[in-house]
Amino acid sequence: MKTITLNIPDNIDLDQHEAAMILAAKLYEQGKVSMGQGAEIAGYSKGTFMELLGRYGVSVFNYPASDLANDVKNA
């Protein structure tokens, strides 16, 4: 796993854990990481990560509507 160092202004109230969660949530939302990978980046279990995604405005169901329509058609 890569390590990234960020310089964040002192006036921003953000700790390491919240920064990791924000990054993991955004990567999950963009489809760049799986639920498990996002949880690992954020330092949480999958279940906890799933629960926390809502606080960051990210849906657990990261699934394009077009794929859903195809799945329903093929069911």
PDB file of N, CA and C in Angstrom:
ATOM      1  N   MET A   1       0.848  -1.167   0.000  1.00  0.00           N
ATOM      2  CA  MET A   1       0.000   0.000   0.000  1.00  0.00           C
ATOM      3  C   MET A   1       0.898   1.238   0.000  1.00  0.00           C
ATOM      4  N   LYS A   2       0.473   2.272  -0.711  1.00  0.00           N
ATOM      5  CA  LYS A   2       1.221   3.521  -0.775  1.00  0.00           C
ATOM      6  C   LYS A   2       0.980   4.358   0.472  1.00  0.00           C
ATOM      7  N   THR A   3       1.956   5.182   0.796  1.00  0.00           N
ATOM      8  CA  THR A   3       1.811   6.174   1.849  1.00  0.00           C
ATOM      9  C   THR A   3       1.875   7.539   1.203  1.00  0.00           C
ATOM     10  N   ILE A   4       0.891   8.379   1.522  1.00  0.00           N
ATOM     11  CA  ILE A   4       0.831   9.733   0.977  1.00  0.00           C
ATOM     12  C   ILE A   4       0.893  10.714   2.143  1.00  0.00           C
ATOM     13  N   THR A   5       1.718  11.743   1.990  1.00  0.00           N
ATOM     14  CA  THR A   5       1.822  12.790   3.002  1.00  0.00           C
ATOM     15  C   THR A   5       1.171  14.048   2.451  1.00  0.00           C
ATOM     16  N   LEU A   6       0.265  14.629   3.237  1.00  0.00           N
ATOM     17  CA  LEU A   6      -0.427  15.855   2.842  1.00  0.00           C
ATOM     18  C   LEU A   6      -0.103  16.976   3.815  1.00  0.00           C
ATOM     19  N   ASN A   7       0.065  18.159   3.283  1.00  0.00           N
ATOM     20  CA  ASN A   7       0.220  19.349   4.123  1.00  0.00           C
ATOM     21  C   ASN A   7      -1.114  20.086   4.111  1.00  0.00           C
ATOM     22  N   ILE A   8      -1.740  20.156   5.280  1.00  0.00           N
ATOM     23  CA  ILE A   8      -3.054  20.778   5.411  1.00  0.00           C
ATOM     24  C   ILE A   8      -2.913  21.990   6.327  1.00  0.00           C
ATOM     25  N   PRO A   9      -3.507  23.118   5.960  1.00  0.00           N
ATOM     26  CA  PRO A   9      -3.398  24.318   6.805  1.00  0.00           C
ATOM     27  C   PRO A   9      -3.854  24.045   8.244  1.00  0.00           C
ATOM     28  N   ASP A  10      -3.198  24.699   9.171  1.00  0.00           N
ATOM     29  CA  ASP A  10      -3.494  24.502  10.597  1.00  0.00           C
ATOM     30  C   ASP A  10      -4.927  24.886  10.964  1.00  0.00           C
ATOM     31  N   ASN A  11      -5.524  25.803  10.210  1.00  0.00           N
ATOM     32  CA  ASN A  11      -6.873  26.256  10.564  1.00  0.00           C
ATOM     33  C   ASN A  11      -7.970  25.273  10.140  1.00  0.00           C
ATOM     34  N   ILE A  12      -7.604  24.215   9.445  1.00  0.00           N
ATOM     35  CA  ILE A  12      -8.587  23.195   9.055  1.00  0.00           C
ATOM     36  C   ILE A  12      -8.580  22.102  10.113  1.00  0.00           C
ATOM     37  N   ASP A  13      -9.733  21.897  10.719  1.00  0.00           N
ATOM     38  CA  ASP A  13      -9.858  20.898  11.784  1.00  0.00           C
ATOM     39  C   ASP A  13     -10.086  19.525  11.156  1.00  0.00           C
ATOM     40  N   LEU A  14      -8.986  18.856  10.835  1.00  0.00           N
ATOM     41  CA  LEU A  14      -9.054  17.564  10.155  1.00  0.00           C
ATOM     42  C   LEU A  14      -7.935  16.687  10.685  1.00  0.00           C
ATOM     43  N   ASP A  15      -8.299  15.532  11.230  1.00  0.00           N
ATOM     44  CA  ASP A  15      -7.258  14.631  11.700  1.00  0.00           C
ATOM     45  C   ASP A  15      -6.989  13.542  10.657  1.00  0.00           C
ATOM     46  N   GLN A  16      -6.003  12.737  10.913  1.00  0.00           N
ATOM     47  CA  GLN A  16      -5.574  11.702   9.982  1.00  0.00           C
ATOM     48  C   GLN A  16      -6.693  10.721   9.641  1.00  0.00           C
ATOM     49  N   HIS A  17      -7.490  10.341  10.631  1.00  0.00           N
ATOM     50  CA  HIS A  17      -8.554   9.363  10.412  1.00  0.00           C
ATOM     51  C   HIS A  17      -9.667   9.922   9.528  1.00  0.00           C
ATOM     52  N   GLU A  18     -10.035  11.175   9.767  1.00  0.00           N
ATOM     53  CA  GLU A  18     -11.082  11.783   8.946  1.00  0.00           C
ATOM     54  C   GLU A  18     -10.591  11.996   7.514  1.00  0.00           C
ATOM     55  N   ALA A  19      -9.339  12.388   7.358  1.00  0.00           N
ATOM     56  CA  ALA A  19      -8.775  12.567   6.013  1.00  0.00           C
ATOM     57  C   ALA A  19      -8.784  11.245   5.252  1.00  0.00           C
ATOM     58  N   ALA A  20      -8.431  10.164   5.940  1.00  0.00           N
ATOM     59  CA  ALA A  20      -8.440   8.841   5.305  1.00  0.00           C
ATOM     60  C   ALA A  20      -9.857   8.440   4.903  1.00  0.00           C
ATOM     61  N   MET A  21     -10.835   8.757   5.762  1.00  0.00           N
ATOM     62  CA  MET A  21     -12.224   8.417   5.463  1.00  0.00           C
ATOM     63  C   MET A  21     -12.734   9.217   4.273  1.00  0.00           C
ATOM     64  N   ILE A  22     -12.405  10.495   4.219  1.00  0.00           N
ATOM     65  CA  ILE A  22     -12.834  11.332   3.095  1.00  0.00           C
ATOM     66  C   ILE A  22     -12.256  10.794   1.791  1.00  0.00           C
ATOM     67  N   LEU A  23     -10.982  10.466   1.807  1.00  0.00           N
ATOM     68  CA  LEU A  23     -10.336   9.925   0.613  1.00  0.00           C
ATOM     69  C   LEU A  23     -10.951   8.591   0.212  1.00  0.00           C
ATOM     70  N   ALA A  24     -11.131   7.700   1.168  1.00  0.00           N
ATOM     71  CA  ALA A  24     -11.706   6.383   0.881  1.00  0.00           C
ATOM     72  C   ALA A  24     -13.122   6.502   0.330  1.00  0.00           C
ATOM     73  N   ALA A  25     -13.934   7.392   0.924  1.00  0.00           N
ATOM     74  CA  ALA A  25     -15.309   7.581   0.464  1.00  0.00           C
ATOM     75  C   ALA A  25     -15.335   8.088  -0.975  1.00  0.00           C
ATOM     76  N   LYS A  26     -14.471   9.051  -1.273  1.00  0.00           N
ATOM     77  CA  LYS A  26     -14.437   9.614  -2.631  1.00  0.00           C
ATOM     78  C   LYS A  26     -13.958   8.580  -3.645  1.00  0.00           C
ATOM     79  N   LEU A  27     -12.946   7.812  -3.285  1.00  0.00           N
ATOM     80  CA  LEU A  27     -12.455   6.771  -4.189  1.00  0.00           C
ATOM     81  C   LEU A  27     -13.517   5.701  -4.425  1.00  0.00           C
ATOM     82  N   TYR A  28     -14.256   5.349  -3.372  1.00  0.00           N
ATOM     83  CA  TYR A  28     -15.345   4.383  -3.508  1.00  0.00           C
ATOM     84  C   TYR A  28     -16.442   4.946  -4.399  1.00  0.00           C
ATOM     85  N   GLU A  29     -16.818   6.195  -4.175  1.00  0.00           N
ATOM     86  CA  GLU A  29     -17.866   6.846  -4.955  1.00  0.00           C
ATOM     87  C   GLU A  29     -17.505   6.866  -6.442  1.00  0.00           C
ATOM     88  N   GLN A  30     -16.242   7.071  -6.754  1.00  0.00           N
ATOM     89  CA  GLN A  30     -15.777   7.126  -8.142  1.00  0.00           C
ATOM     90  C   GLN A  30     -15.550   5.744  -8.742  1.00  0.00           C
ATOM     91  N   GLY A  31     -15.735   4.695  -7.941  1.00  0.00           N
ATOM     92  CA  GLY A  31     -15.555   3.336  -8.435  1.00  0.00           C
ATOM     93  C   GLY A  31     -14.097   2.923  -8.578  1.00  0.00           C
ATOM     94  N   LYS A  32     -13.204   3.648  -7.937  1.00  0.00           N
ATOM     95  CA  LYS A  32     -11.771   3.341  -8.037  1.00  0.00           C
ATOM     96  C   LYS A  32     -11.329   2.290  -7.033  1.00  0.00           C
ATOM     97  N   VAL A  33     -12.099   2.113  -5.967  1.00  0.00           N
ATOM     98  CA  VAL A  33     -11.804   1.070  -4.979  1.00  0.00           C
ATOM     99  C   VAL A  33     -13.102   0.337  -4.637  1.00  0.00           C
ATOM    100  N   SER A  34     -12.953  -0.886  -4.172  1.00  0.00           N
ATOM    101  CA  SER A  34     -14.099  -1.682  -3.728  1.00  0.00           C
ATOM    102  C   SER A  34     -14.486  -1.272  -2.306  1.00  0.00           C
ATOM    103  N   MET A  35     -15.578  -1.816  -1.829  1.00  0.00           N
ATOM    104  CA  MET A  35     -16.008  -1.556  -0.455  1.00  0.00           C
ATOM    105  C   MET A  35     -14.919  -1.987   0.525  1.00  0.00           C
ATOM    106  N   GLY A  36     -14.363  -3.167   0.310  1.00  0.00           N
ATOM    107  CA  GLY A  36     -13.313  -3.676   1.193  1.00  0.00           C
ATOM    108  C   GLY A  36     -12.055  -2.829   1.158  1.00  0.00           C
ATOM    109  N   GLN A  37     -11.663  -2.391  -0.036  1.00  0.00           N
ATOM    110  CA  GLN A  37     -10.483  -1.539  -0.155  1.00  0.00           C
ATOM    111  C   GLN A  37     -10.714  -0.189   0.515  1.00  0.00           C
ATOM    112  N   GLY A  38     -11.906   0.364   0.321  1.00  0.00           N
ATOM    113  CA  GLY A  38     -12.240   1.628   0.971  1.00  0.00           C
ATOM    114  C   GLY A  38     -12.187   1.509   2.488  1.00  0.00           C
ATOM    115  N   ALA A  39     -12.740   0.412   2.999  1.00  0.00           N
ATOM    116  CA  ALA A  39     -12.721   0.172   4.440  1.00  0.00           C
ATOM    117  C   ALA A  39     -11.285   0.069   4.948  1.00  0.00           C
ATOM    118  N   GLU A  40     -10.441  -0.604   4.194  1.00  0.00           N
ATOM    119  CA  GLU A  40      -9.040  -0.754   4.596  1.00  0.00           C
ATOM    120  C   GLU A  40      -8.319   0.595   4.604  1.00  0.00           C
ATOM    121  N   ILE A  41      -8.531   1.402   3.587  1.00  0.00           N
ATOM    122  CA  ILE A  41      -7.912   2.736   3.528  1.00  0.00           C
ATOM    123  C   ILE A  41      -8.359   3.574   4.721  1.00  0.00           C
ATOM    124  N   ALA A  42      -9.661   3.519   5.023  1.00  0.00           N
ATOM    125  CA  ALA A  42     -10.215   4.328   6.111  1.00  0.00           C
ATOM    126  C   ALA A  42      -9.874   3.769   7.495  1.00  0.00           C
ATOM    127  N   GLY A  43      -9.473   2.497   7.542  1.00  0.00           N
ATOM    128  CA  GLY A  43      -9.129   1.892   8.823  1.00  0.00           C
ATOM    129  C   GLY A  43     -10.318   1.378   9.601  1.00  0.00           C
ATOM    130  N   TYR A  44     -11.382   1.002   8.878  1.00  0.00           N
ATOM    131  CA  TYR A  44     -12.595   0.482   9.506  1.00  0.00           C
ATOM    132  C   TYR A  44     -12.941  -0.888   8.941  1.00  0.00           C
ATOM    133  N   SER A  45     -13.855  -1.576   9.626  1.00  0.00           N
ATOM    134  CA  SER A  45     -14.418  -2.804   9.066  1.00  0.00           C
ATOM    135  C   SER A  45     -15.336  -2.410   7.912  1.00  0.00           C
ATOM    136  N   LYS A  46     -15.689  -3.380   7.074  1.00  0.00           N
ATOM    137  CA  LYS A  46     -16.611  -3.085   5.962  1.00  0.00           C
ATOM    138  C   LYS A  46     -17.935  -2.535   6.480  1.00  0.00           C
ATOM    139  N   GLY A  47     -18.458  -3.153   7.534  1.00  0.00           N
ATOM    140  CA  GLY A  47     -19.741  -2.715   8.080  1.00  0.00           C
ATOM    141  C   GLY A  47     -19.713  -1.282   8.570  1.00  0.00           C
ATOM    142  N   THR A  48     -18.668  -0.934   9.289  1.00  0.00           N
ATOM    143  CA  THR A  48     -18.539   0.441   9.795  1.00  0.00           C
ATOM    144  C   THR A  48     -18.351   1.415   8.646  1.00  0.00           C
ATOM    145  N   PHE A  49     -17.528   1.035   7.666  1.00  0.00           N
ATOM    146  CA  PHE A  49     -17.308   1.893   6.503  1.00  0.00           C
ATOM    147  C   PHE A  49     -18.619   2.142   5.772  1.00  0.00           C
ATOM    148  N   MET A  50     -19.420   1.094   5.604  1.00  0.00           N
ATOM    149  CA  MET A  50     -20.719   1.240   4.941  1.00  0.00           C
ATOM    150  C   MET A  50     -21.597   2.230   5.699  1.00  0.00           C
ATOM    151  N   GLU A  51     -21.616   2.129   7.013  1.00  0.00           N
ATOM    152  CA  GLU A  51     -22.434   3.031   7.827  1.00  0.00           C
ATOM    153  C   GLU A  51     -21.945   4.473   7.712  1.00  0.00           C
ATOM    154  N   LEU A  52     -20.641   4.665   7.673  1.00  0.00           N
ATOM    155  CA  LEU A  52     -20.078   6.011   7.633  1.00  0.00           C
ATOM    156  C   LEU A  52     -20.208   6.682   6.270  1.00  0.00           C
ATOM    157  N   LEU A  53     -20.341   5.909   5.210  1.00  0.00           N
ATOM    158  CA  LEU A  53     -20.448   6.506   3.873  1.00  0.00           C
ATOM    159  C   LEU A  53     -21.580   7.522   3.781  1.00  0.00           C
ATOM    160  N   GLY A  54     -22.693   7.240   4.427  1.00  0.00           N
ATOM    161  CA  GLY A  54     -23.837   8.157   4.398  1.00  0.00           C
ATOM    162  C   GLY A  54     -23.513   9.525   4.956  1.00  0.00           C
ATOM    163  N   ARG A  55     -22.645   9.580   5.960  1.00  0.00           N
ATOM    164  CA  ARG A  55     -22.246  10.860   6.553  1.00  0.00           C
ATOM    165  C   ARG A  55     -21.473  11.721   5.553  1.00  0.00           C
ATOM    166  N   TYR A  56     -20.899  11.068   4.565  1.00  0.00           N
ATOM    167  CA  TYR A  56     -20.112  11.777   3.555  1.00  0.00           C
ATOM    168  C   TYR A  56     -20.871  11.903   2.228  1.00  0.00           C
ATOM    169  N   GLY A  57     -22.170  11.609   2.265  1.00  0.00           N
ATOM    170  CA  GLY A  57     -23.017  11.772   1.091  1.00  0.00           C
ATOM    171  C   GLY A  57     -22.762  10.762  -0.011  1.00  0.00           C
ATOM    172  N   VAL A  58     -22.237   9.587   0.367  1.00  0.00           N
ATOM    173  CA  VAL A  58     -21.919   8.552  -0.616  1.00  0.00           C
ATOM    174  C   VAL A  58     -22.867   7.378  -0.423  1.00  0.00           C
ATOM    175  N   SER A  59     -23.498   6.945  -1.502  1.00  0.00           N
ATOM    176  CA  SER A  59     -24.412   5.808  -1.443  1.00  0.00           C
ATOM    177  C   SER A  59     -23.630   4.506  -1.376  1.00  0.00           C
ATOM    178  N   VAL A  60     -24.130   3.588  -0.586  1.00  0.00           N
ATOM    179  CA  VAL A  60     -23.529   2.257  -0.501  1.00  0.00           C
ATOM    180  C   VAL A  60     -23.735   1.525  -1.823  1.00  0.00           C
ATOM    181  N   PHE A  61     -24.805   1.841  -2.513  1.00  0.00           N
ATOM    182  CA  PHE A  61     -25.139   1.188  -3.772  1.00  0.00           C
ATOM    183  C   PHE A  61     -24.505   1.952  -4.916  1.00  0.00           C
ATOM    184  N   ASN A  62     -23.248   1.723  -5.109  1.00  0.00           N
ATOM    185  CA  ASN A  62     -22.462   2.401  -6.128  1.00  0.00           C
ATOM    186  C   ASN A  62     -22.552   1.585  -7.418  1.00  0.00           C
ATOM    187  N   TYR A  63     -23.705   1.697  -8.069  1.00  0.00           N
ATOM    188  CA  TYR A  63     -24.044   0.822  -9.179  1.00  0.00           C
ATOM    189  C   TYR A  63     -24.758   1.651 -10.240  1.00  0.00           C
ATOM    190  N   PRO A  64     -24.225   1.724 -11.445  1.00  0.00           N
ATOM    191  CA  PRO A  64     -24.872   2.532 -12.489  1.00  0.00           C
ATOM    192  C   PRO A  64     -26.276   2.029 -12.822  1.00  0.00           C
ATOM    193  N   ALA A  65     -27.179   2.950 -13.068  1.00  0.00           N
ATOM    194  CA  ALA A  65     -28.568   2.605 -13.386  1.00  0.00           C
ATOM    195  C   ALA A  65     -28.643   1.735 -14.636  1.00  0.00           C
ATOM    196  N   SER A  66     -27.774   1.953 -15.598  1.00  0.00           N
ATOM    197  CA  SER A  66     -27.791   1.149 -16.815  1.00  0.00           C
ATOM    198  C   SER A  66     -27.480  -0.313 -16.515  1.00  0.00           C
ATOM    199  N   ASP A  67     -26.561  -0.564 -15.596  1.00  0.00           N
ATOM    200  CA  ASP A  67     -26.252  -1.941 -15.213  1.00  0.00           C
ATOM    201  C   ASP A  67     -27.428  -2.578 -14.496  1.00  0.00           C
ATOM    202  N   LEU A  68     -28.111  -1.805 -13.674  1.00  0.00           N
ATOM    203  CA  LEU A  68     -29.272  -2.318 -12.958  1.00  0.00           C
ATOM    204  C   LEU A  68     -30.373  -2.717 -13.940  1.00  0.00           C
ATOM    205  N   ALA A  69     -30.609  -1.889 -14.939  1.00  0.00           N
ATOM    206  CA  ALA A  69     -31.632  -2.196 -15.950  1.00  0.00           C
ATOM    207  C   ALA A  69     -31.291  -3.487 -16.673  1.00  0.00           C
ATOM    208  N   ASN A  70     -30.037  -3.684 -17.015  1.00  0.00           N
ATOM    209  CA  ASN A  70     -29.613  -4.921 -17.679  1.00  0.00           C
ATOM    210  C   ASN A  70     -29.779  -6.124 -16.766  1.00  0.00           C
ATOM    211  N   ASP A  71     -29.467  -5.965 -15.487  1.00  0.00           N
ATOM    212  CA  ASP A  71     -29.626  -7.071 -14.544  1.00  0.00           C
ATOM    213  C   ASP A  71     -31.094  -7.469 -14.401  1.00  0.00           C
ATOM    214  N   VAL A  72     -31.975  -6.480 -14.342  1.00  0.00           N
ATOM    215  CA  VAL A  72     -33.406  -6.773 -14.237  1.00  0.00           C
ATOM    216  C   VAL A  72     -33.899  -7.469 -15.489  1.00  0.00           C
ATOM    217  N   LYS A  73     -33.436  -7.016 -16.634  1.00  0.00           N
ATOM    218  CA  LYS A  73     -33.831  -7.623 -17.898  1.00  0.00           C
ATOM    219  C   LYS A  73     -33.377  -9.074 -17.986  1.00  0.00           C
ATOM    220  N   ASN A  74     -32.205  -9.365 -17.462  1.00  0.00           N
ATOM    221  CA  ASN A  74     -31.632 -10.706 -17.550  1.00  0.00           C
ATOM    222  C   ASN A  74     -32.024 -11.608 -16.383  1.00  0.00           C
ATOM    223  N   ALA A  75     -32.803 -11.116 -15.458  1.00  0.00           N
ATOM    224  CA  ALA A  75     -33.161 -11.917 -14.277  1.00  0.00           C
ATOM    225  C   ALA A  75     -34.202 -12.965 -14.616  1.00  0.00           C
TER     226      ALA A  75
END
